[in-house]
Amino acid sequence: LGAVFTESNKPWEVEIVVAEVGDTPEAD
């Protein structure tokens, strides 16, 4: 996304979340 925003005339109109569940809540 950083490369697209910097180098392209049109940025991508997106916002995303990546989540990983851990073995314990502290590891989420």
Full PDB file with SEQRES, HELIX, SHEET, SSBOND, CRYST1, ORIGX, SCALE, CONECT and MASTER records, all heavy atoms in Angstrom:
SEQRES   1 A   28  LEU GLY ALA VAL PHE THR GLU SER ASN LYS PRO TRP GLU          
SEQRES   2 A   28  VAL GLU ILE VAL VAL ALA GLU VAL GLY ASP THR PRO GLU          
SEQRES   3 A   28  ALA ASP                                                      
HELIX    1 AA1 GLY A    2  GLU A    7  1                                   6    
HELIX    2 AA2 PRO A   25  ALA A   27  5                                   3    
CRYST1    1.000    1.000    1.000  90.00  90.00  90.00 P 1           1          
ORIGX1      1.000000  0.000000  0.000000        0.00000                         
ORIGX2      0.000000  1.000000  0.000000        0.00000                         
ORIGX3      0.000000  0.000000  1.000000        0.00000                         
SCALE1      1.000000  0.000000  0.000000        0.00000                         
SCALE2      0.000000  1.000000  0.000000        0.00000                         
SCALE3      0.000000  0.000000  1.000000        0.00000                         
ATOM      1  N   LEU A   1       0.821  -1.204   0.000  1.00  0.00           N  
ATOM      2  CA  LEU A   1       0.000   0.000   0.000  1.00  0.00           C  
ATOM      3  C   LEU A   1       0.861   1.264   0.000  1.00  0.00           C  
ATOM      4  O   LEU A   1       0.510   2.263  -0.633  1.00  0.00           O  
ATOM      5  CB  LEU A   1      -0.928   0.002   1.219  1.00  0.00           C  
ATOM      6  CG  LEU A   1      -2.093  -0.981   1.140  1.00  0.00           C  
ATOM      7  CD1 LEU A   1      -2.833  -1.060   2.471  1.00  0.00           C  
ATOM      8  CD2 LEU A   1      -3.061  -0.571   0.025  1.00  0.00           C  
ATOM      9  N   GLY A   2       1.983   1.222   0.708  1.00  0.00           N  
ATOM     10  CA  GLY A   2       2.891   2.367   0.701  1.00  0.00           C  
ATOM     11  C   GLY A   2       3.455   2.644  -0.678  1.00  0.00           C  
ATOM     12  O   GLY A   2       3.556   3.806  -1.111  1.00  0.00           O  
ATOM     13  N   ALA A   3       3.815   1.584  -1.409  1.00  0.00           N  
ATOM     14  CA  ALA A   3       4.352   1.751  -2.756  1.00  0.00           C  
ATOM     15  C   ALA A   3       3.288   2.296  -3.706  1.00  0.00           C  
ATOM     16  O   ALA A   3       3.568   3.189  -4.517  1.00  0.00           O  
ATOM     17  CB  ALA A   3       4.884   0.421  -3.272  1.00  0.00           C  
ATOM     18  N   VAL A   4       2.075   1.778  -3.608  1.00  0.00           N  
ATOM     19  CA  VAL A   4       0.986   2.272  -4.456  1.00  0.00           C  
ATOM     20  C   VAL A   4       0.709   3.742  -4.159  1.00  0.00           C  
ATOM     21  O   VAL A   4       0.543   4.564  -5.071  1.00  0.00           O  
ATOM     22  CB  VAL A   4      -0.295   1.431  -4.244  1.00  0.00           C  
ATOM     23  CG1 VAL A   4      -1.485   2.086  -4.939  1.00  0.00           C  
ATOM     24  CG2 VAL A   4      -0.092   0.019  -4.764  1.00  0.00           C  
ATOM     25  N   PHE A   5       0.647   4.103  -2.883  1.00  0.00           N  
ATOM     26  CA  PHE A   5       0.348   5.483  -2.509  1.00  0.00           C  
ATOM     27  C   PHE A   5       1.423   6.444  -3.008  1.00  0.00           C  
ATOM     28  O   PHE A   5       1.119   7.545  -3.477  1.00  0.00           O  
ATOM     29  CB  PHE A   5       0.229   5.587  -0.982  1.00  0.00           C  
ATOM     30  CG  PHE A   5      -0.147   6.952  -0.497  1.00  0.00           C  
ATOM     31  CD1 PHE A   5      -1.457   7.395  -0.574  1.00  0.00           C  
ATOM     32  CD2 PHE A   5       0.815   7.811   0.031  1.00  0.00           C  
ATOM     33  CE1 PHE A   5      -1.816   8.663  -0.136  1.00  0.00           C  
ATOM     34  CE2 PHE A   5       0.471   9.074   0.470  1.00  0.00           C  
ATOM     35  CZ  PHE A   5      -0.851   9.506   0.391  1.00  0.00           C  
ATOM     36  N   THR A   6       2.675   6.031  -2.943  1.00  0.00           N  
ATOM     37  CA  THR A   6       3.782   6.914  -3.326  1.00  0.00           C  
ATOM     38  C   THR A   6       3.956   7.008  -4.830  1.00  0.00           C  
ATOM     39  O   THR A   6       4.184   8.097  -5.383  1.00  0.00           O  
ATOM     40  CB  THR A   6       5.097   6.416  -2.689  1.00  0.00           C  
ATOM     41  OG1 THR A   6       4.944   6.354  -1.274  1.00  0.00           O  
ATOM     42  CG2 THR A   6       6.253   7.349  -3.033  1.00  0.00           C  
ATOM     43  N   GLU A   7       3.828   5.879  -5.520  1.00  0.00           N  
ATOM     44  CA  GLU A   7       4.211   5.823  -6.923  1.00  0.00           C  
ATOM     45  C   GLU A   7       3.045   5.968  -7.899  1.00  0.00           C  
ATOM     46  O   GLU A   7       3.250   6.327  -9.054  1.00  0.00           O  
ATOM     47  CB  GLU A   7       4.931   4.495  -7.194  1.00  0.00           C  
ATOM     48  CG  GLU A   7       6.196   4.329  -6.358  1.00  0.00           C  
ATOM     49  CD  GLU A   7       6.758   2.917  -6.420  1.00  0.00           C  
ATOM     50  OE1 GLU A   7       6.239   2.117  -7.226  1.00  0.00           O  
ATOM     51  OE2 GLU A   7       7.694   2.620  -5.651  1.00  0.00           O  
ATOM     52  N   SER A   8       1.837   5.668  -7.465  1.00  0.00           N  
ATOM     53  CA  SER A   8       0.690   5.703  -8.369  1.00  0.00           C  
ATOM     54  C   SER A   8      -0.019   7.045  -8.299  1.00  0.00           C  
ATOM     55  O   SER A   8      -0.019   7.721  -7.268  1.00  0.00           O  
ATOM     56  CB  SER A   8      -0.284   4.579  -8.007  1.00  0.00           C  
ATOM     57  OG  SER A   8      -1.463   4.677  -8.768  1.00  0.00           O  
ATOM     58  N   ASN A   9      -0.646   7.426  -9.414  1.00  0.00           N  
ATOM     59  CA  ASN A   9      -1.428   8.659  -9.418  1.00  0.00           C  
ATOM     60  C   ASN A   9      -2.676   8.531  -8.551  1.00  0.00           C  
ATOM     61  O   ASN A   9      -3.131   9.507  -7.951  1.00  0.00           O  
ATOM     62  CB  ASN A   9      -1.846   9.026 -10.843  1.00  0.00           C  
ATOM     63  CG  ASN A   9      -0.672   9.492 -11.678  1.00  0.00           C  
ATOM     64  OD1 ASN A   9       0.269  10.086 -11.153  1.00  0.00           O  
ATOM     65  ND2 ASN A   9      -0.716   9.233 -12.976  1.00  0.00           N  
ATOM     66  N   LYS A  10      -3.243   7.315  -8.507  1.00  0.00           N  
ATOM     67  CA  LYS A  10      -4.447   7.085  -7.719  1.00  0.00           C  
ATOM     68  C   LYS A  10      -4.131   6.127  -6.575  1.00  0.00           C  
ATOM     69  O   LYS A  10      -3.747   4.991  -6.799  1.00  0.00           O  
ATOM     70  CB  LYS A  10      -5.553   6.486  -8.589  1.00  0.00           C  
ATOM     71  CG  LYS A  10      -6.819   6.158  -7.798  1.00  0.00           C  
ATOM     72  CD  LYS A  10      -7.681   5.164  -8.534  1.00  0.00           C  
ATOM     73  CE  LYS A  10      -8.812   4.635  -7.672  1.00  0.00           C  
ATOM     74  NZ  LYS A  10      -8.319   3.958  -6.434  1.00  0.00           N  
ATOM     75  N   PRO A  11      -4.318   6.546  -5.324  1.00  0.00           N  
ATOM     76  CA  PRO A  11      -4.118   5.625  -4.202  1.00  0.00           C  
ATOM     77  C   PRO A  11      -5.261   4.631  -4.124  1.00  0.00           C  
ATOM     78  O   PRO A  11      -6.349   4.852  -4.649  1.00  0.00           O  
ATOM     79  CB  PRO A  11      -4.121   6.561  -2.989  1.00  0.00           C  
ATOM     80  CG  PRO A  11      -5.011   7.683  -3.403  1.00  0.00           C  
ATOM     81  CD  PRO A  11      -4.767   7.876  -4.877  1.00  0.00           C  
ATOM     82  N   TRP A  12      -5.014   3.515  -3.450  1.00  0.00           N  
ATOM     83  CA  TRP A  12      -6.084   2.542  -3.235  1.00  0.00           C  
ATOM     84  C   TRP A  12      -6.979   3.015  -2.102  1.00  0.00           C  
ATOM     85  O   TRP A  12      -6.485   3.443  -1.046  1.00  0.00           O  
ATOM     86  CB  TRP A  12      -5.493   1.168  -2.929  1.00  0.00           C  
ATOM     87  CG  TRP A  12      -5.004   0.489  -4.176  1.00  0.00           C  
ATOM     88  CD1 TRP A  12      -4.882   1.041  -5.410  1.00  0.00           C  
ATOM     89  CD2 TRP A  12      -4.578  -0.868  -4.300  1.00  0.00           C  
ATOM     90  NE1 TRP A  12      -4.402   0.115  -6.295  1.00  0.00           N  
ATOM     91  CE2 TRP A  12      -4.216  -1.063  -5.648  1.00  0.00           C  
ATOM     92  CE3 TRP A  12      -4.476  -1.919  -3.409  1.00  0.00           C  
ATOM     93  CZ2 TRP A  12      -3.745  -2.283  -6.123  1.00  0.00           C  
ATOM     94  CZ3 TRP A  12      -4.010  -3.146  -3.871  1.00  0.00           C  
ATOM     95  CH2 TRP A  12      -3.652  -3.332  -5.212  1.00  0.00           C  
ATOM     96  N   GLU A  13      -8.275   2.916  -2.313  1.00  0.00           N  
ATOM     97  CA  GLU A  13      -9.259   3.383  -1.335  1.00  0.00           C  
ATOM     98  C   GLU A  13      -9.628   2.222  -0.419  1.00  0.00           C  
ATOM     99  O   GLU A  13     -10.744   1.701  -0.428  1.00  0.00           O  
ATOM    100  CB  GLU A  13     -10.489   3.925  -2.061  1.00  0.00           C  
ATOM    101  CG  GLU A  13     -10.172   5.083  -2.998  1.00  0.00           C  
ATOM    102  CD  GLU A  13     -11.286   5.310  -4.010  1.00  0.00           C  
ATOM    103  OE1 GLU A  13     -12.431   5.568  -3.590  1.00  0.00           O  
ATOM    104  OE2 GLU A  13     -10.990   5.211  -5.225  1.00  0.00           O  
ATOM    105  N   VAL A  14      -8.676   1.814   0.400  1.00  0.00           N  
ATOM    106  CA  VAL A  14      -8.880   0.662   1.280  1.00  0.00           C  
ATOM    107  C   VAL A  14      -8.241   0.916   2.638  1.00  0.00           C  
ATOM    108  O   VAL A  14      -7.288   1.689   2.771  1.00  0.00           O  
ATOM    109  CB  VAL A  14      -8.277  -0.632   0.688  1.00  0.00           C  
ATOM    110  CG1 VAL A  14      -8.949  -1.014  -0.614  1.00  0.00           C  
ATOM    111  CG2 VAL A  14      -6.778  -0.492   0.494  1.00  0.00           C  
ATOM    112  N   GLU A  15      -8.800   0.260   3.624  1.00  0.00           N  
ATOM    113  CA  GLU A  15      -8.206   0.186   4.953  1.00  0.00           C  
ATOM    114  C   GLU A  15      -8.436  -1.239   5.435  1.00  0.00           C  
ATOM    115  O   GLU A  15      -9.538  -1.773   5.274  1.00  0.00           O  
ATOM    116  CB  GLU A  15      -8.866   1.184   5.894  1.00  0.00           C  
ATOM    117  CG  GLU A  15      -8.159   1.347   7.216  1.00  0.00           C  
ATOM    118  CD  GLU A  15      -8.675   2.528   8.004  1.00  0.00           C  
ATOM    119  OE1 GLU A  15      -9.323   3.403   7.406  1.00  0.00           O  
ATOM    120  OE2 GLU A  15      -8.437   2.561   9.229  1.00  0.00           O  
ATOM    121  N   ILE A  16      -7.395  -1.852   5.982  1.00  0.00           N  
ATOM    122  CA  ILE A  16      -7.503  -3.265   6.324  1.00  0.00           C  
ATOM    123  C   ILE A  16      -7.002  -3.538   7.741  1.00  0.00           C  
ATOM    124  O   ILE A  16      -6.258  -2.739   8.329  1.00  0.00           O  
ATOM    125  CB  ILE A  16      -6.738  -4.164   5.325  1.00  0.00           C  
ATOM    126  CG1 ILE A  16      -5.231  -3.896   5.394  1.00  0.00           C  
ATOM    127  CG2 ILE A  16      -7.251  -3.961   3.913  1.00  0.00           C  
ATOM    128  CD1 ILE A  16      -4.411  -4.824   4.514  1.00  0.00           C  
ATOM    129  N   VAL A  17      -7.434  -4.674   8.267  1.00  0.00           N  
ATOM    130  CA  VAL A  17      -6.952  -5.184   9.552  1.00  0.00           C  
ATOM    131  C   VAL A  17      -6.469  -6.611   9.339  1.00  0.00           C  
ATOM    132  O   VAL A  17      -7.148  -7.415   8.686  1.00  0.00           O  
ATOM    133  CB  VAL A  17      -8.053  -5.152  10.623  1.00  0.00           C  
ATOM    134  CG1 VAL A  17      -7.676  -6.030  11.822  1.00  0.00           C  
ATOM    135  CG2 VAL A  17      -8.303  -3.727  11.097  1.00  0.00           C  
ATOM    136  N   VAL A  18      -5.316  -6.916   9.876  1.00  0.00           N  
ATOM    137  CA  VAL A  18      -4.800  -8.282   9.941  1.00  0.00           C  
ATOM    138  C   VAL A  18      -4.738  -8.660  11.413  1.00  0.00           C  
ATOM    139  O   VAL A  18      -4.117  -7.952  12.213  1.00  0.00           O  
ATOM    140  CB  VAL A  18      -3.404  -8.401   9.301  1.00  0.00           C  
ATOM    141  CG1 VAL A  18      -2.827  -9.794   9.525  1.00  0.00           C  
ATOM    142  CG2 VAL A  18      -3.474  -8.093   7.815  1.00  0.00           C  
ATOM    143  N   ALA A  19      -5.418  -9.747  11.785  1.00  0.00           N  
ATOM    144  CA  ALA A  19      -5.452 -10.169  13.185  1.00  0.00           C  
ATOM    145  C   ALA A  19      -4.987 -11.608  13.311  1.00  0.00           C  
ATOM    146  O   ALA A  19      -5.309 -12.453  12.467  1.00  0.00           O  
ATOM    147  CB  ALA A  19      -6.864 -10.023  13.754  1.00  0.00           C  
ATOM    148  N   GLU A  20      -4.246 -11.873  14.368  1.00  0.00           N  
ATOM    149  CA  GLU A  20      -3.772 -13.231  14.654  1.00  0.00           C  
ATOM    150  C   GLU A  20      -4.147 -13.588  16.090  1.00  0.00           C  
ATOM    151  O   GLU A  20      -3.843 -12.829  17.024  1.00  0.00           O  
ATOM    152  CB  GLU A  20      -2.258 -13.335  14.484  1.00  0.00           C  
ATOM    153  CG  GLU A  20      -1.702 -14.706  14.826  1.00  0.00           C  
ATOM    154  CD  GLU A  20      -0.200 -14.806  14.652  1.00  0.00           C  
ATOM    155  OE1 GLU A  20       0.422 -13.814  14.228  1.00  0.00           O  
ATOM    156  OE2 GLU A  20       0.356 -15.885  14.943  1.00  0.00           O  
ATOM    157  N   VAL A  21      -4.806 -14.716  16.278  1.00  0.00           N  
ATOM    158  CA  VAL A  21      -5.169 -15.154  17.621  1.00  0.00           C  
ATOM    159  C   VAL A  21      -4.033 -15.987  18.196  1.00  0.00           C  
ATOM    160  O   VAL A  21      -3.461 -16.843  17.518  1.00  0.00           O  
ATOM    161  CB  VAL A  21      -6.494 -15.949  17.608  1.00  0.00           C  
ATOM    162  CG1 VAL A  21      -6.343 -17.272  16.877  1.00  0.00           C  
ATOM    163  CG2 VAL A  21      -7.014 -16.181  19.020  1.00  0.00           C  
ATOM    164  N   GLY A  22      -3.673 -15.693  19.445  1.00  0.00           N  
ATOM    165  CA  GLY A  22      -2.590 -16.418  20.096  1.00  0.00           C  
ATOM    166  C   GLY A  22      -3.099 -17.526  20.999  1.00  0.00           C  
ATOM    167  O   GLY A  22      -4.311 -17.718  21.171  1.00  0.00           O  
ATOM    168  N   ASP A  23      -2.181 -18.235  21.610  1.00  0.00           N  
ATOM    169  CA  ASP A  23      -2.558 -19.290  22.549  1.00  0.00           C  
ATOM    170  C   ASP A  23      -3.117 -18.704  23.845  1.00  0.00           C  
ATOM    171  O   ASP A  23      -3.862 -19.365  24.571  1.00  0.00           O  
ATOM    172  CB  ASP A  23      -1.352 -20.178  22.859  1.00  0.00           C  
ATOM    173  CG  ASP A  23      -0.894 -20.961  21.644  1.00  0.00           C  
ATOM    174  OD1 ASP A  23      -1.747 -21.294  20.795  1.00  0.00           O  
ATOM    175  OD2 ASP A  23       0.316 -21.231  21.530  1.00  0.00           O  
ATOM    176  N   THR A  24      -2.753 -17.466  24.128  1.00  0.00           N  
ATOM    177  CA  THR A  24      -3.275 -16.738  25.284  1.00  0.00           C  
ATOM    178  C   THR A  24      -3.738 -15.364  24.807  1.00  0.00           C  
ATOM    179  O   THR A  24      -3.286 -14.877  23.765  1.00  0.00           O  
ATOM    180  CB  THR A  24      -2.197 -16.560  26.365  1.00  0.00           C  
ATOM    181  OG1 THR A  24      -1.135 -15.747  25.837  1.00  0.00           O  
ATOM    182  CG2 THR A  24      -1.636 -17.902  26.815  1.00  0.00           C  
ATOM    183  N   PRO A  25      -4.619 -14.691  25.557  1.00  0.00           N  
ATOM    184  CA  PRO A  25      -5.069 -13.359  25.158  1.00  0.00           C  
ATOM    185  C   PRO A  25      -3.908 -12.368  24.981  1.00  0.00           C  
ATOM    186  O   PRO A  25      -3.969 -11.496  24.104  1.00  0.00           O  
ATOM    187  CB  PRO A  25      -5.991 -12.936  26.306  1.00  0.00           C  
ATOM    188  CG  PRO A  25      -6.503 -14.219  26.866  1.00  0.00           C  
ATOM    189  CD  PRO A  25      -5.372 -15.191  26.742  1.00  0.00           C  
ATOM    190  N   GLU A  26      -2.886 -12.518  25.802  1.00  0.00           N  
ATOM    191  CA  GLU A  26      -1.744 -11.605  25.704  1.00  0.00           C  
ATOM    192  C   GLU A  26      -0.998 -11.747  24.387  1.00  0.00           C  
ATOM    193  O   GLU A  26      -0.290 -10.825  23.966  1.00  0.00           O  
ATOM    194  CB  GLU A  26      -0.776 -11.841  26.874  1.00  0.00           C  
ATOM    195  CG  GLU A  26      -1.328 -11.488  28.241  1.00  0.00           C  
ATOM    196  CD  GLU A  26      -2.353 -12.487  28.752  1.00  0.00           C  
ATOM    197  OE1 GLU A  26      -2.363 -13.649  28.254  1.00  0.00           O  
ATOM    198  OE2 GLU A  26      -3.144 -12.116  29.632  1.00  0.00           O  
ATOM    199  N   ALA A  27      -1.139 -12.884  23.737  1.00  0.00           N  
ATOM    200  CA  ALA A  27      -0.427 -13.138  22.473  1.00  0.00           C  
ATOM    201  C   ALA A  27      -1.236 -12.719  21.245  1.00  0.00           C  
ATOM    202  O   ALA A  27      -0.745 -12.821  20.123  1.00  0.00           O  
ATOM    203  CB  ALA A  27      -0.055 -14.618  22.370  1.00  0.00           C  
ATOM    204  N   ASP A  28      -2.474 -12.278  21.429  1.00  0.00           N  
ATOM    205  CA  ASP A  28      -3.282 -11.824  20.293  1.00  0.00           C  
ATOM    206  C   ASP A  28      -2.639 -10.613  19.638  1.00  0.00           C  
ATOM    207  O   ASP A  28      -2.041  -9.755  20.309  1.00  0.00           O  
ATOM    208  CB  ASP A  28      -4.695 -11.449  20.743  1.00  0.00           C  
ATOM    209  CG  ASP A  28      -5.504 -12.649  21.202  1.00  0.00           C  
ATOM    210  OD1 ASP A  28      -5.100 -13.790  20.898  1.00  0.00           O  
ATOM    211  OD2 ASP A  28      -6.536 -12.439  21.862  1.00  0.00           O  
TER     212      ASP A  28                                                      
MASTER        0    0    0    2    0    0    0    6  211    1    0    3          
END                                                                             
